[in-house]
Amino acid sequence: MLNTRREKFKRLLYAKKQAMISDSARGFKNIISGENMHILSKNIDDDSMPFLCQHENLTFRRLTYQRDIIKRIDNALERLDQGTYGRCEECDGEIGEDRLNLIPFAAYCTECQEAAEFKKTVRRILN
């Protein structure tokens, strides 16, 4: 990978990581301080408490998703250092430039990603 291309993706990955960390920090702060519940509970009666719990659950899910993305970004940065960035971890084919621009932490080419998602869906249906 050319150094200019490598640096471009490194900057992009670090920017995405920083954005995820900042958003996660705000989410954790709101949960810990109870700010989410306070804001939502101002105009909600006791019958609507399940809504508040649902909101907290969604916040936790978002934070879990962000944590997973940060891990994927860290893995992509490691692949950049190892010189394997942009190669599919499944078939070792090249991950397209357009895909990397959209999802710079992508570890799989489009075909392998689609196959993995299909298998996951089938397992979910069968179980």
N, C-alpha and C. Protein backbone atom coordinates (compact mmCIF):
# COMPACT_ATOMS: atom_id res chain seq x y z
N MET A 1 0.85 -1.17 0.00
CA MET A 1 0.00 0.00 0.00
C MET A 1 0.90 1.24 0.00
N LEU A 2 0.58 2.17 -0.86
CA LEU A 2 1.36 3.40 -0.92
C LEU A 2 1.25 4.16 0.39
N ASN A 3 2.35 4.85 0.74
CA ASN A 3 2.37 5.59 2.01
C ASN A 3 1.27 6.64 2.10
N THR A 4 0.98 7.34 0.99
CA THR A 4 -0.06 8.37 1.04
C THR A 4 -1.43 7.74 1.30
N ARG A 5 -1.68 6.60 0.66
CA ARG A 5 -2.95 5.89 0.86
C ARG A 5 -3.02 5.35 2.29
N ARG A 6 -1.91 4.82 2.75
CA ARG A 6 -1.83 4.28 4.11
C ARG A 6 -2.11 5.38 5.13
N GLU A 7 -1.50 6.53 4.95
CA GLU A 7 -1.71 7.66 5.86
C GLU A 7 -3.15 8.17 5.80
N LYS A 8 -3.72 8.17 4.61
CA LYS A 8 -5.12 8.60 4.46
C LYS A 8 -6.03 7.73 5.31
N PHE A 9 -5.86 6.41 5.21
CA PHE A 9 -6.72 5.51 5.97
C PHE A 9 -6.41 5.55 7.46
N LYS A 10 -5.16 5.77 7.79
CA LYS A 10 -4.79 5.88 9.20
C LYS A 10 -5.49 7.09 9.83
N ARG A 11 -5.47 8.22 9.13
CA ARG A 11 -6.16 9.42 9.62
C ARG A 11 -7.66 9.18 9.74
N LEU A 12 -8.22 8.54 8.72
CA LEU A 12 -9.66 8.25 8.71
C LEU A 12 -10.04 7.34 9.88
N LEU A 13 -9.24 6.31 10.10
CA LEU A 13 -9.51 5.38 11.20
C LEU A 13 -9.41 6.07 12.56
N TYR A 14 -8.37 6.87 12.75
CA TYR A 14 -8.22 7.58 14.02
C TYR A 14 -9.36 8.57 14.24
N ALA A 15 -9.80 9.23 13.18
CA ALA A 15 -10.91 10.19 13.30
C ALA A 15 -12.20 9.46 13.69
N LYS A 16 -12.47 8.32 13.05
CA LYS A 16 -13.66 7.54 13.39
C LYS A 16 -13.58 7.02 14.82
N LYS A 17 -12.40 6.58 15.22
CA LYS A 17 -12.22 6.07 16.58
C LYS A 17 -12.47 7.18 17.59
N GLN A 18 -11.92 8.35 17.34
CA GLN A 18 -12.10 9.47 18.27
C GLN A 18 -13.57 9.86 18.36
N ALA A 19 -14.27 9.86 17.23
CA ALA A 19 -15.70 10.20 17.24
C ALA A 19 -16.49 9.18 18.06
N MET A 20 -16.17 7.89 17.89
CA MET A 20 -16.84 6.84 18.66
C MET A 20 -16.55 6.97 20.15
N ILE A 21 -15.31 7.24 20.49
CA ILE A 21 -14.93 7.38 21.90
C ILE A 21 -15.65 8.57 22.53
N SER A 22 -15.70 9.68 21.82
CA SER A 22 -16.38 10.88 22.34
C SER A 22 -17.87 10.62 22.55
N ASP A 23 -18.50 9.99 21.56
CA ASP A 23 -19.93 9.71 21.67
C ASP A 23 -20.20 8.71 22.80
N SER A 24 -19.34 7.70 22.92
CA SER A 24 -19.49 6.72 23.99
C SER A 24 -19.32 7.37 25.36
N ALA A 25 -18.36 8.25 25.47
CA ALA A 25 -18.13 8.94 26.75
C ALA A 25 -19.36 9.75 27.15
N ARG A 26 -19.99 10.43 26.18
CA ARG A 26 -21.22 11.17 26.47
C ARG A 26 -22.33 10.22 26.92
N GLY A 27 -22.44 9.09 26.23
CA GLY A 27 -23.47 8.11 26.59
C GLY A 27 -23.27 7.57 27.99
N PHE A 28 -22.03 7.20 28.32
CA PHE A 28 -21.74 6.71 29.67
C PHE A 28 -22.01 7.79 30.71
N LYS A 29 -21.63 9.00 30.40
CA LYS A 29 -21.85 10.11 31.35
C LYS A 29 -23.33 10.28 31.63
N ASN A 30 -24.15 10.22 30.58
CA ASN A 30 -25.59 10.37 30.75
C ASN A 30 -26.18 9.23 31.57
N ILE A 31 -25.68 8.03 31.37
CA ILE A 31 -26.19 6.89 32.13
C ILE A 31 -25.78 7.01 33.59
N ILE A 32 -24.52 7.27 33.82
CA ILE A 32 -24.01 7.35 35.19
C ILE A 32 -24.68 8.48 35.96
N SER A 33 -24.85 9.62 35.32
CA SER A 33 -25.44 10.77 36.00
C SER A 33 -26.96 10.65 36.10
N GLY A 34 -27.54 9.72 35.37
CA GLY A 34 -28.99 9.59 35.36
C GLY A 34 -29.66 10.65 34.51
N GLU A 35 -28.87 11.36 33.71
CA GLU A 35 -29.41 12.46 32.90
C GLU A 35 -30.46 11.98 31.91
N ASN A 36 -30.24 10.81 31.29
CA ASN A 36 -31.24 10.30 30.34
C ASN A 36 -32.59 10.14 31.03
N MET A 37 -32.59 9.49 32.19
CA MET A 37 -33.84 9.26 32.92
C MET A 37 -34.46 10.58 33.35
N HIS A 38 -33.64 11.51 33.79
CA HIS A 38 -34.16 12.81 34.26
C HIS A 38 -34.83 13.56 33.12
N ILE A 39 -34.18 13.62 31.98
CA ILE A 39 -34.73 14.34 30.83
C ILE A 39 -36.04 13.70 30.38
N LEU A 40 -36.05 12.37 30.27
CA LEU A 40 -37.23 11.69 29.76
C LEU A 40 -38.37 11.64 30.77
N SER A 41 -38.05 11.63 32.05
CA SER A 41 -39.09 11.45 33.06
C SER A 41 -39.84 12.74 33.39
N LYS A 42 -39.40 13.87 32.91
CA LYS A 42 -40.06 15.15 33.22
C LYS A 42 -41.54 15.14 32.85
N ASN A 43 -41.87 14.60 31.71
CA ASN A 43 -43.25 14.65 31.23
C ASN A 43 -43.87 13.26 31.08
N ILE A 44 -43.34 12.30 31.82
CA ILE A 44 -43.84 10.94 31.68
C ILE A 44 -44.38 10.46 33.02
N ASP A 45 -45.54 9.82 32.99
CA ASP A 45 -46.12 9.30 34.22
C ASP A 45 -45.59 7.90 34.52
N ASP A 46 -46.03 7.33 35.64
CA ASP A 46 -45.53 6.02 36.07
C ASP A 46 -45.84 4.91 35.06
N ASP A 47 -46.94 5.05 34.35
CA ASP A 47 -47.30 4.03 33.36
C ASP A 47 -46.31 3.97 32.20
N SER A 48 -45.53 5.02 32.05
CA SER A 48 -44.59 5.08 30.93
C SER A 48 -43.17 4.67 31.33
N MET A 49 -43.00 4.18 32.55
CA MET A 49 -41.67 3.75 32.99
C MET A 49 -41.05 2.69 32.07
N PRO A 50 -41.85 1.77 31.53
CA PRO A 50 -41.23 0.80 30.60
C PRO A 50 -40.53 1.49 29.43
N PHE A 51 -41.09 2.61 28.99
CA PHE A 51 -40.45 3.38 27.92
C PHE A 51 -39.07 3.84 28.34
N LEU A 52 -38.96 4.33 29.58
CA LEU A 52 -37.66 4.80 30.08
C LEU A 52 -36.66 3.66 30.14
N CYS A 53 -37.12 2.50 30.59
CA CYS A 53 -36.23 1.33 30.65
C CYS A 53 -35.80 0.92 29.25
N GLN A 54 -36.73 0.98 28.32
CA GLN A 54 -36.41 0.65 26.93
C GLN A 54 -35.36 1.62 26.39
N HIS A 55 -35.50 2.88 26.71
CA HIS A 55 -34.54 3.89 26.26
C HIS A 55 -33.15 3.58 26.81
N GLU A 56 -33.07 3.23 28.09
CA GLU A 56 -31.78 2.88 28.69
C GLU A 56 -31.19 1.65 28.01
N ASN A 57 -32.05 0.67 27.72
CA ASN A 57 -31.60 -0.54 27.04
C ASN A 57 -31.01 -0.21 25.67
N LEU A 58 -31.69 0.66 24.94
CA LEU A 58 -31.18 1.07 23.63
C LEU A 58 -29.86 1.81 23.75
N THR A 59 -29.72 2.61 24.79
CA THR A 59 -28.46 3.32 25.02
C THR A 59 -27.33 2.33 25.27
N PHE A 60 -27.60 1.31 26.08
CA PHE A 60 -26.58 0.29 26.34
C PHE A 60 -26.22 -0.47 25.06
N ARG A 61 -27.22 -0.76 24.25
CA ARG A 61 -26.95 -1.45 22.98
C ARG A 61 -26.07 -0.60 22.07
N ARG A 62 -26.38 0.71 22.01
CA ARG A 62 -25.57 1.61 21.19
C ARG A 62 -24.13 1.65 21.70
N LEU A 63 -23.95 1.69 23.01
CA LEU A 63 -22.61 1.72 23.58
C LEU A 63 -21.86 0.42 23.28
N THR A 64 -22.56 -0.70 23.34
CA THR A 64 -21.95 -1.99 23.00
C THR A 64 -21.53 -2.01 21.54
N TYR A 65 -22.39 -1.51 20.66
CA TYR A 65 -22.07 -1.42 19.24
C TYR A 65 -20.84 -0.54 19.02
N GLN A 66 -20.79 0.60 19.70
CA GLN A 66 -19.65 1.49 19.55
C GLN A 66 -18.37 0.84 20.04
N ARG A 67 -18.46 0.09 21.13
CA ARG A 67 -17.28 -0.62 21.64
C ARG A 67 -16.78 -1.61 20.60
N ASP A 68 -17.71 -2.32 19.96
CA ASP A 68 -17.33 -3.28 18.93
C ASP A 68 -16.67 -2.59 17.73
N ILE A 69 -17.19 -1.45 17.34
CA ILE A 69 -16.61 -0.71 16.22
C ILE A 69 -15.20 -0.24 16.59
N ILE A 70 -15.01 0.23 17.81
CA ILE A 70 -13.68 0.67 18.25
C ILE A 70 -12.69 -0.50 18.18
N LYS A 71 -13.12 -1.70 18.57
CA LYS A 71 -12.26 -2.88 18.46
C LYS A 71 -11.91 -3.16 17.00
N ARG A 72 -12.90 -3.04 16.12
CA ARG A 72 -12.65 -3.28 14.70
C ARG A 72 -11.70 -2.23 14.13
N ILE A 73 -11.82 -1.00 14.59
CA ILE A 73 -10.90 0.06 14.16
C ILE A 73 -9.49 -0.25 14.64
N ASP A 74 -9.36 -0.67 15.89
CA ASP A 74 -8.04 -1.04 16.42
C ASP A 74 -7.43 -2.19 15.61
N ASN A 75 -8.25 -3.17 15.24
CA ASN A 75 -7.77 -4.28 14.40
C ASN A 75 -7.31 -3.77 13.04
N ALA A 76 -8.05 -2.83 12.47
CA ALA A 76 -7.67 -2.26 11.17
C ALA A 76 -6.35 -1.50 11.28
N LEU A 77 -6.17 -0.75 12.36
CA LEU A 77 -4.90 -0.03 12.56
C LEU A 77 -3.74 -1.01 12.70
N GLU A 78 -3.99 -2.13 13.36
CA GLU A 78 -2.96 -3.17 13.48
C GLU A 78 -2.62 -3.75 12.11
N ARG A 79 -3.65 -3.99 11.29
CA ARG A 79 -3.41 -4.51 9.94
C ARG A 79 -2.63 -3.49 9.10
N LEU A 80 -2.90 -2.21 9.32
CA LEU A 80 -2.13 -1.17 8.62
C LEU A 80 -0.66 -1.29 8.98
N ASP A 81 -0.36 -1.45 10.26
CA ASP A 81 1.03 -1.58 10.71
C ASP A 81 1.69 -2.85 10.18
N GLN A 82 0.90 -3.91 10.04
CA GLN A 82 1.43 -5.19 9.56
C GLN A 82 1.53 -5.27 8.04
N GLY A 83 0.92 -4.30 7.37
CA GLY A 83 0.96 -4.30 5.91
C GLY A 83 -0.11 -5.18 5.28
N THR A 84 -1.12 -5.61 6.05
CA THR A 84 -2.18 -6.46 5.51
C THR A 84 -3.50 -5.72 5.36
N TYR A 85 -3.50 -4.43 5.65
CA TYR A 85 -4.72 -3.64 5.54
C TYR A 85 -5.17 -3.63 4.08
N GLY A 86 -6.49 -3.76 3.88
CA GLY A 86 -7.04 -3.75 2.53
C GLY A 86 -7.12 -5.13 1.91
N ARG A 87 -6.68 -6.16 2.66
CA ARG A 87 -6.77 -7.55 2.21
C ARG A 87 -7.86 -8.24 3.02
N CYS A 88 -8.68 -9.02 2.36
CA CYS A 88 -9.76 -9.75 3.02
C CYS A 88 -9.18 -10.82 3.93
N GLU A 89 -9.66 -10.87 5.16
CA GLU A 89 -9.16 -11.86 6.12
C GLU A 89 -9.65 -13.28 5.79
N GLU A 90 -10.65 -13.39 4.93
CA GLU A 90 -11.19 -14.70 4.57
C GLU A 90 -10.51 -15.26 3.32
N CYS A 91 -10.54 -14.50 2.22
CA CYS A 91 -10.05 -15.02 0.94
C CYS A 91 -8.71 -14.41 0.52
N ASP A 92 -8.22 -13.44 1.27
CA ASP A 92 -6.98 -12.72 1.00
C ASP A 92 -7.05 -11.88 -0.29
N GLY A 93 -8.27 -11.71 -0.81
CA GLY A 93 -8.44 -10.83 -1.96
C GLY A 93 -8.41 -9.38 -1.51
N GLU A 94 -8.38 -8.49 -2.48
CA GLU A 94 -8.33 -7.07 -2.17
C GLU A 94 -9.73 -6.56 -1.80
N ILE A 95 -9.79 -5.76 -0.75
CA ILE A 95 -11.04 -5.09 -0.38
C ILE A 95 -11.09 -3.81 -1.22
N GLY A 96 -12.19 -3.61 -1.91
CA GLY A 96 -12.31 -2.47 -2.82
C GLY A 96 -12.14 -1.12 -2.14
N GLU A 97 -11.58 -0.19 -2.88
CA GLU A 97 -11.33 1.17 -2.39
C GLU A 97 -12.62 1.84 -1.93
N ASP A 98 -13.70 1.66 -2.71
CA ASP A 98 -14.98 2.27 -2.33
C ASP A 98 -15.46 1.73 -0.99
N ARG A 99 -15.31 0.43 -0.78
CA ARG A 99 -15.72 -0.18 0.49
C ARG A 99 -14.88 0.36 1.64
N LEU A 100 -13.58 0.47 1.45
CA LEU A 100 -12.72 0.99 2.51
C LEU A 100 -13.00 2.46 2.81
N ASN A 101 -13.39 3.22 1.80
CA ASN A 101 -13.74 4.61 2.04
C ASN A 101 -15.02 4.72 2.88
N LEU A 102 -15.97 3.81 2.65
CA LEU A 102 -17.21 3.80 3.42
C LEU A 102 -17.03 3.18 4.80
N ILE A 103 -16.31 2.06 4.84
CA ILE A 103 -16.10 1.32 6.09
C ILE A 103 -14.60 1.05 6.20
N PRO A 104 -13.84 2.02 6.67
CA PRO A 104 -12.38 1.87 6.68
C PRO A 104 -11.87 0.75 7.58
N PHE A 105 -12.71 0.24 8.46
CA PHE A 105 -12.32 -0.86 9.34
C PHE A 105 -12.78 -2.21 8.81
N ALA A 106 -13.25 -2.25 7.55
CA ALA A 106 -13.72 -3.51 6.96
C ALA A 106 -12.58 -4.52 6.93
N ALA A 107 -12.90 -5.74 7.36
CA ALA A 107 -11.90 -6.81 7.37
C ALA A 107 -12.15 -7.82 6.25
N TYR A 108 -13.30 -7.70 5.60
CA TYR A 108 -13.67 -8.67 4.57
C TYR A 108 -14.11 -7.95 3.30
N CYS A 109 -13.87 -8.58 2.17
CA CYS A 109 -14.37 -8.05 0.90
C CYS A 109 -15.90 -8.20 0.91
N THR A 110 -16.55 -7.56 -0.02
CA THR A 110 -18.01 -7.58 -0.06
C THR A 110 -18.56 -9.00 -0.17
N GLU A 111 -17.95 -9.81 -1.03
CA GLU A 111 -18.45 -11.17 -1.24
C GLU A 111 -18.35 -12.01 0.04
N CYS A 112 -17.22 -11.96 0.72
CA CYS A 112 -17.03 -12.74 1.94
C CYS A 112 -17.92 -12.21 3.07
N GLN A 113 -18.10 -10.90 3.14
CA GLN A 113 -18.98 -10.31 4.16
C GLN A 113 -20.42 -10.76 3.94
N GLU A 114 -20.87 -10.73 2.69
CA GLU A 114 -22.24 -11.17 2.38
C GLU A 114 -22.43 -12.64 2.71
N ALA A 115 -21.43 -13.47 2.40
CA ALA A 115 -21.52 -14.89 2.71
C ALA A 115 -21.59 -15.12 4.22
N ALA A 116 -20.80 -14.39 4.99
CA ALA A 116 -20.81 -14.52 6.45
C ALA A 116 -22.16 -14.08 7.02
N GLU A 117 -22.71 -13.00 6.50
CA GLU A 117 -24.00 -12.52 6.97
C GLU A 117 -25.11 -13.50 6.62
N PHE A 118 -25.03 -14.12 5.44
CA PHE A 118 -26.02 -15.11 5.04
C PHE A 118 -25.96 -16.31 5.99
N LYS A 119 -24.76 -16.81 6.28
CA LYS A 119 -24.61 -17.94 7.20
C LYS A 119 -25.16 -17.60 8.58
N LYS A 120 -24.89 -16.41 9.04
CA LYS A 120 -25.37 -15.96 10.35
C LYS A 120 -26.90 -15.93 10.38
N THR A 121 -27.50 -15.44 9.31
CA THR A 121 -28.96 -15.39 9.22
C THR A 121 -29.56 -16.78 9.21
N VAL A 122 -28.96 -17.69 8.45
CA VAL A 122 -29.45 -19.06 8.39
C VAL A 122 -29.36 -19.72 9.76
N ARG A 123 -28.23 -19.54 10.45
CA ARG A 123 -28.08 -20.11 11.80
C ARG A 123 -29.14 -19.56 12.75
N ARG A 124 -29.40 -18.26 12.66
CA ARG A 124 -30.40 -17.63 13.53
C ARG A 124 -31.79 -18.20 13.25
N ILE A 125 -32.11 -18.42 11.99
CA ILE A 125 -33.42 -18.97 11.62
C ILE A 125 -33.55 -20.41 12.09
N LEU A 126 -32.49 -21.18 11.95
CA LEU A 126 -32.54 -22.60 12.31
C LEU A 126 -32.50 -22.85 13.81
N ASN A 127 -31.99 -21.91 14.54
CA ASN A 127 -31.90 -22.10 16.00
C ASN A 127 -33.08 -21.58 16.69
